[in-house]
Amino acid sequence: MKVQEIIWLVEKDLILAEIRRTAQNGVALGRDAFTKATGIRERDWSGKFWARWGDAVREAGLESQVMQSAHAEELVFENLLTLTEKLGRFPTVPEMDLERTFDSSFPSSRSITRRFDRKTLFEKLIAYTAANERWTHLLAELTTAAPKEPVASSQGETQATDYGHVYLIRSDKVYKIGSSRAVYSRTATIVRQAPFGGELVHVISTDDPEGIEHYWHNRFASARISGTNKSSGEWFALSSAEVGAFKRSQNNVDGLATIAHSNSPNSPKAVILSAAQRSRRTPRAIASPIPIASFNP
């Protein structure tokens, strides 16, 4: 046997020995966890001894984990449901990543998205929730967040629902209620015209924006104001209770845009506050101001 062949076998046996040594209860570590624990990188074995990590694990006589990140499906669901309960809605990917920074046992968003596409994740998560009494109170939140099926037309063709938005903007001490299918660009236009800038307080997403807008205009009719730049009939002197009523409506935007004038009246800036920050009512922004023109509703 040539020296090169001996070295090849020794290297392979060493890796197999390390797989067995680091295994827990007969289950091998995932690929990434194995590299972290031993310093043996994927390029040290992939395409050299085995094509897939599972092949190496089987040759070592061990069982592979269901997920390389060491999180079984049930554990993923439990963590997602716990975070959903904590936030009052299904978490976004950044919120999952933020939770993981504080709780290392929380599965990485990458491991979740690698395992499930969004439709499959919600199908399995909703089924798991319905079967566990501990979590059934979250079914409404999950159903709301789940991907929606396209709407079938009368001709049998599949069409996407045309959603719009009803927004509440505050400028100084008054509020504007309007509707738009491009809410961020519409907000930018409004605050350019307002002497005190403005704040996008809340957005309702709906397939009937005009109808929902009409409802809120009627409800707050007694608070409607007129005067300079208020002739549209969409400006209101709302009380905190009335603002709270509007904000309790469903489908708040994922990011709250606070818009103010810069030194140039033609260059409004926007700072996006994460949903996690809003839940903690943290007033500072986590991103540097970026041009409003970069937003896509």
Protein backbone atom coordinates (compact mmCIF):
# COMPACT_ATOMS: atom_id res chain seq x y z
CA MET A 1 0.00 0.00 0.00
CA LYS A 2 1.34 3.40 -0.97
CA VAL A 3 2.02 6.09 1.60
CA GLN A 4 -0.62 8.34 0.04
CA GLU A 5 -3.26 5.63 0.43
CA ILE A 6 -2.30 5.11 4.08
CA ILE A 7 -2.64 8.84 4.75
CA TRP A 8 -6.04 8.81 3.00
CA LEU A 9 -7.30 5.97 5.20
CA VAL A 10 -5.95 7.54 8.38
CA GLU A 11 -7.71 10.82 7.62
CA LYS A 12 -10.99 9.05 6.89
CA ASP A 13 -10.76 6.92 10.05
CA LEU A 14 -9.98 10.03 12.09
CA ILE A 15 -13.10 11.79 10.83
CA LEU A 16 -15.25 8.71 11.50
CA ALA A 17 -13.81 8.49 15.02
CA GLU A 18 -14.64 12.15 15.64
CA ILE A 19 -18.20 11.66 14.38
CA ARG A 20 -18.64 8.83 16.89
CA ARG A 21 -16.93 10.74 19.71
CA THR A 22 -19.12 13.84 19.37
CA ALA A 23 -22.38 11.92 18.90
CA GLN A 24 -25.06 12.34 21.56
CA ASN A 25 -27.19 9.34 22.50
CA GLY A 26 -26.36 7.59 19.25
CA VAL A 27 -27.23 10.60 17.11
CA ALA A 28 -24.46 12.38 15.22
CA LEU A 29 -24.06 16.13 15.32
CA GLY A 30 -25.24 18.10 12.34
CA ARG A 31 -22.67 19.16 9.78
CA ASP A 32 -22.27 22.71 11.09
CA ALA A 33 -22.21 21.64 14.74
CA PHE A 34 -19.60 18.99 13.94
CA THR A 35 -17.31 21.56 12.32
CA LYS A 36 -17.68 23.85 15.31
CA ALA A 37 -16.93 21.04 17.77
CA THR A 38 -13.96 19.49 15.98
CA GLY A 39 -12.53 22.04 13.56
CA ILE A 40 -12.97 19.53 10.72
CA ARG A 41 -14.38 21.51 7.82
CA GLU A 42 -16.75 20.36 5.11
CA ARG A 43 -14.02 20.66 2.49
CA ASP A 44 -11.92 18.16 4.49
CA TRP A 45 -14.37 15.36 3.65
CA SER A 46 -16.90 16.49 1.01
CA GLY A 47 -16.06 15.11 -2.42
CA LYS A 48 -13.04 13.37 -0.90
CA PHE A 49 -14.54 10.62 1.27
CA TRP A 50 -18.29 11.20 1.03
CA ALA A 51 -20.68 13.13 -1.17
CA ARG A 52 -23.11 13.95 1.66
CA TRP A 53 -22.85 14.33 5.41
CA GLY A 54 -25.47 11.65 5.87
CA ASP A 55 -23.21 9.15 4.09
CA ALA A 56 -20.42 9.82 6.59
CA VAL A 57 -22.80 9.47 9.52
CA ARG A 58 -24.13 6.15 8.24
CA GLU A 59 -20.60 4.80 7.72
CA ALA A 60 -19.86 5.77 11.31
CA GLY A 61 -22.79 3.56 12.31
CA LEU A 62 -24.89 6.39 13.69
CA GLU A 63 -28.27 7.95 13.09
CA SER A 64 -28.56 11.33 11.39
CA GLN A 65 -30.47 14.17 12.98
CA VAL A 66 -33.74 15.22 11.40
CA MET A 67 -32.34 18.75 11.01
CA GLN A 68 -28.68 19.69 10.77
CA SER A 69 -29.24 22.53 13.22
CA ALA A 70 -30.13 19.97 15.91
CA HIS A 71 -33.71 21.20 16.22
CA ALA A 72 -36.37 18.54 15.74
CA GLU A 73 -39.58 19.59 14.01
CA GLU A 74 -41.58 19.66 17.23
CA LEU A 75 -38.99 21.84 18.94
CA VAL A 76 -39.09 24.30 16.03
CA PHE A 77 -42.88 24.55 16.34
CA GLU A 78 -42.72 25.02 20.12
CA ASN A 79 -40.20 27.84 19.77
CA LEU A 80 -42.16 29.57 17.01
CA LEU A 81 -45.40 29.35 18.98
CA THR A 82 -43.75 30.68 22.13
CA LEU A 83 -42.43 33.69 20.21
CA THR A 84 -45.82 34.18 18.50
CA GLU A 85 -47.47 34.26 21.91
CA LYS A 86 -44.87 36.72 23.17
CA LEU A 87 -45.30 39.14 20.22
CA GLY A 88 -49.02 38.66 19.71
CA ARG A 89 -48.46 37.71 16.06
CA PHE A 90 -46.28 35.43 13.95
CA PRO A 91 -42.64 36.63 14.01
CA THR A 92 -40.75 37.99 11.04
CA VAL A 93 -37.33 36.56 10.11
CA PRO A 94 -35.46 39.49 11.77
CA GLU A 95 -37.48 38.90 14.95
CA MET A 96 -36.51 35.21 14.91
CA ASP A 97 -32.86 36.19 14.54
CA LEU A 98 -33.19 38.73 17.36
CA GLU A 99 -34.72 36.10 19.63
CA ARG A 100 -31.85 33.74 18.87
CA THR A 101 -29.32 36.34 20.02
CA PHE A 102 -30.94 36.27 23.46
CA ASP A 103 -31.83 32.55 23.49
CA SER A 104 -29.30 30.24 21.83
CA SER A 105 -31.79 27.34 21.97
CA PHE A 106 -34.07 29.14 19.51
CA PRO A 107 -33.63 27.66 16.00
CA SER A 108 -31.94 29.84 13.41
CA SER A 109 -34.22 31.30 10.75
CA ARG A 110 -31.92 29.77 8.15
CA SER A 111 -32.49 26.27 9.50
CA ILE A 112 -36.25 26.85 9.41
CA THR A 113 -36.37 28.22 5.86
CA ARG A 114 -34.03 25.48 4.67
CA ARG A 115 -36.37 22.87 6.10
CA PHE A 116 -39.74 24.36 5.10
CA ASP A 117 -41.12 26.59 2.39
CA ARG A 118 -43.53 29.15 3.82
CA LYS A 119 -46.71 27.34 2.74
CA THR A 120 -45.57 24.00 4.19
CA LEU A 121 -44.41 25.63 7.42
CA PHE A 122 -47.80 27.18 8.09
CA GLU A 123 -49.70 24.05 7.10
CA LYS A 124 -47.71 21.94 9.56
CA LEU A 125 -47.62 24.61 12.25
CA ILE A 126 -51.39 25.16 12.14
CA ALA A 127 -52.01 21.40 12.28
CA TYR A 128 -49.64 21.10 15.24
CA THR A 129 -51.32 24.02 16.99
CA ALA A 130 -54.83 22.64 16.47
CA ALA A 131 -53.75 19.30 17.93
CA ASN A 132 -52.22 20.84 21.08
CA GLU A 133 -54.61 22.47 23.52
CA ARG A 134 -51.75 24.52 24.96
CA TRP A 135 -51.54 26.52 21.71
CA THR A 136 -55.06 26.57 20.23
CA HIS A 137 -55.54 30.21 21.26
CA LEU A 138 -52.93 31.16 18.63
CA LEU A 139 -54.81 29.67 15.67
CA ALA A 140 -56.29 33.03 14.67
CA GLU A 141 -52.85 34.70 14.54
CA LEU A 142 -51.39 31.85 12.48
CA THR A 143 -54.33 31.76 10.08
CA THR A 144 -54.00 35.53 9.52
CA ALA A 145 -50.26 35.27 8.84
CA ALA A 146 -50.47 32.18 6.60
CA PRO A 147 -49.97 32.64 2.83
CA LYS A 148 -53.29 33.24 1.11
CA GLU A 149 -54.48 31.25 -1.87
CA PRO A 150 -55.00 33.28 -5.08
CA VAL A 151 -58.61 34.31 -5.75
CA ALA A 152 -60.33 32.47 -8.61
CA SER A 153 -62.23 34.68 -11.08
CA SER A 154 -65.67 33.83 -12.48
CA GLN A 155 -63.96 32.66 -15.67
CA GLY A 156 -62.01 30.09 -13.68
CA GLU A 157 -58.77 32.01 -13.94
CA THR A 158 -56.63 32.61 -10.87
CA GLN A 159 -56.08 36.23 -9.93
CA ALA A 160 -54.23 37.86 -7.06
CA THR A 161 -56.36 39.92 -4.66
CA ASP A 162 -55.87 43.65 -5.26
CA TYR A 163 -55.07 44.94 -1.78
CA GLY A 164 -54.91 48.58 -0.82
CA HIS A 165 -54.28 50.44 2.42
CA VAL A 166 -56.07 52.87 4.69
CA TYR A 167 -53.55 55.00 6.55
CA LEU A 168 -53.49 57.31 9.57
CA ILE A 169 -50.91 60.10 9.40
CA ARG A 170 -50.24 62.57 12.21
CA SER A 171 -48.94 66.05 11.44
CA ASP A 172 -48.46 68.22 14.51
CA LYS A 173 -51.83 67.94 16.35
CA VAL A 174 -54.05 66.79 13.49
CA TYR A 175 -54.53 63.49 11.67
CA LYS A 176 -55.21 62.52 8.08
CA ILE A 177 -57.14 59.39 7.13
CA GLY A 178 -56.83 58.37 3.50
CA SER A 179 -56.46 55.38 1.22
CA SER A 180 -53.76 54.37 -1.24
CA ARG A 181 -52.25 51.36 -2.94
CA ALA A 182 -48.80 52.93 -2.56
CA VAL A 183 -48.89 54.00 1.05
CA TYR A 184 -45.23 54.98 1.54
CA SER A 185 -44.97 57.14 -1.57
CA ARG A 186 -48.33 58.70 -0.69
CA THR A 187 -47.06 59.46 2.82
CA ALA A 188 -43.94 61.09 1.38
CA THR A 189 -46.09 63.35 -0.80
CA ILE A 190 -48.28 64.39 2.14
CA VAL A 191 -45.41 65.25 4.48
CA ARG A 192 -43.63 67.27 1.81
CA GLN A 193 -46.69 69.51 1.83
CA ALA A 194 -47.12 69.61 5.60
CA PRO A 195 -45.28 72.37 7.48
CA PHE A 196 -44.42 70.10 10.42
CA GLY A 197 -43.58 66.88 8.61
CA GLY A 198 -45.57 63.85 9.63
CA GLU A 199 -45.70 60.39 11.13
CA LEU A 200 -47.30 57.29 9.62
CA VAL A 201 -49.13 56.01 12.70
CA HIS A 202 -51.01 52.97 11.43
CA VAL A 203 -51.98 51.17 8.21
CA ILE A 204 -54.88 48.80 7.54
CA SER A 205 -54.43 46.45 4.56
CA THR A 206 -57.71 45.55 2.85
CA ASP A 207 -59.26 44.54 -0.49
CA ASP A 208 -61.74 47.43 -0.06
CA PRO A 209 -59.64 50.49 0.87
CA GLU A 210 -62.25 53.02 -0.29
CA GLY A 211 -64.99 51.37 1.75
CA ILE A 212 -62.88 51.17 4.90
CA GLU A 213 -61.75 54.77 4.45
CA HIS A 214 -65.40 55.86 4.13
CA TYR A 215 -66.26 54.03 7.36
CA TRP A 216 -63.59 55.87 9.36
CA HIS A 217 -64.47 59.22 7.80
CA ASN A 218 -68.09 58.71 8.89
CA ARG A 219 -67.12 57.49 12.35
CA PHE A 220 -64.96 60.56 13.01
CA ALA A 221 -67.18 63.04 11.12
CA SER A 222 -67.67 65.22 14.20
CA ALA A 223 -63.87 65.65 14.46
CA ARG A 224 -63.37 66.67 10.82
CA ILE A 225 -61.58 70.01 10.40
CA SER A 226 -61.19 72.48 7.56
CA GLY A 227 -58.93 75.39 6.79
CA THR A 228 -55.56 75.86 5.09
CA ASN A 229 -54.47 72.60 3.44
CA LYS A 230 -57.37 70.82 5.15
CA SER A 231 -60.00 71.28 2.45
CA SER A 232 -59.90 67.64 1.37
CA GLY A 233 -62.09 66.61 4.29
CA GLU A 234 -59.57 63.95 5.29
CA TRP A 235 -58.06 65.81 8.25
CA PHE A 236 -59.37 65.28 11.78
CA ALA A 237 -58.74 66.55 15.30
CA LEU A 238 -58.73 63.13 16.94
CA SER A 239 -58.58 62.32 20.63
CA SER A 240 -56.15 59.73 21.96
CA ALA A 241 -59.10 57.34 22.38
CA GLU A 242 -60.08 57.77 18.72
CA VAL A 243 -56.50 57.23 17.57
CA GLY A 244 -56.40 54.11 19.75
CA ALA A 245 -59.59 52.82 18.12
CA PHE A 246 -58.06 53.18 14.65
CA LYS A 247 -54.81 51.54 15.77
CA ARG A 248 -56.68 48.51 17.09
CA SER A 249 -57.75 47.71 13.55
CA GLN A 250 -56.07 44.69 11.96
CA ASN A 251 -53.00 44.55 9.76
CA ASN A 252 -50.60 47.15 11.05
CA VAL A 253 -47.61 47.68 8.79
CA ASP A 254 -44.43 45.64 9.46
CA GLY A 255 -42.39 48.83 9.78
CA LEU A 256 -43.46 52.17 11.20
CA ALA A 257 -42.09 55.06 9.16
CA THR A 258 -41.41 58.31 10.96
CA ILE A 259 -40.90 61.02 8.38
CA ALA A 260 -39.52 64.51 9.02
CA HIS A 261 -38.17 67.33 6.95
CA SER A 262 -34.42 67.60 6.53
CA ASN A 263 -32.64 70.87 5.74
CA SER A 264 -33.92 70.58 2.20
CA PRO A 265 -37.75 70.57 1.90
CA ASN A 266 -37.48 68.18 -1.04
CA SER A 267 -35.52 65.47 0.74
CA PRO A 268 -37.68 63.84 3.45
CA LYS A 269 -36.04 61.03 5.32
CA ALA A 270 -37.54 57.92 6.87
CA VAL A 271 -36.45 55.78 9.75
CA ILE A 272 -37.92 52.31 10.07
CA LEU A 273 -38.54 50.97 13.55
CA SER A 274 -38.69 47.20 13.79
CA ALA A 275 -41.81 45.49 15.06
CA ALA A 276 -39.80 44.21 17.99
CA GLN A 277 -38.88 47.77 18.97
CA ARG A 278 -42.48 48.91 18.68
CA SER A 279 -43.58 46.14 21.04
CA ARG A 280 -41.05 47.45 23.58
CA ARG A 281 -42.00 51.05 22.76
CA THR A 282 -38.34 51.91 22.22
CA PRO A 283 -38.18 55.43 20.77
CA ARG A 284 -34.81 55.23 19.03
CA ALA A 285 -34.35 53.99 15.49
CA ILE A 286 -32.15 51.02 14.63
CA ALA A 287 -31.39 52.01 11.06
CA SER A 288 -29.73 55.05 9.58
CA PRO A 289 -32.17 57.38 7.78
CA ILE A 290 -32.69 56.35 4.18
CA PRO A 291 -34.56 58.12 1.38
CA ILE A 292 -38.31 57.53 1.35
CA ALA A 293 -38.07 56.90 -2.37
CA SER A 294 -36.46 53.54 -1.64
CA PHE A 295 -39.62 52.14 -0.05
CA ASN A 296 -41.89 49.84 -2.03
CA PRO A 297 -45.38 49.46 -0.51
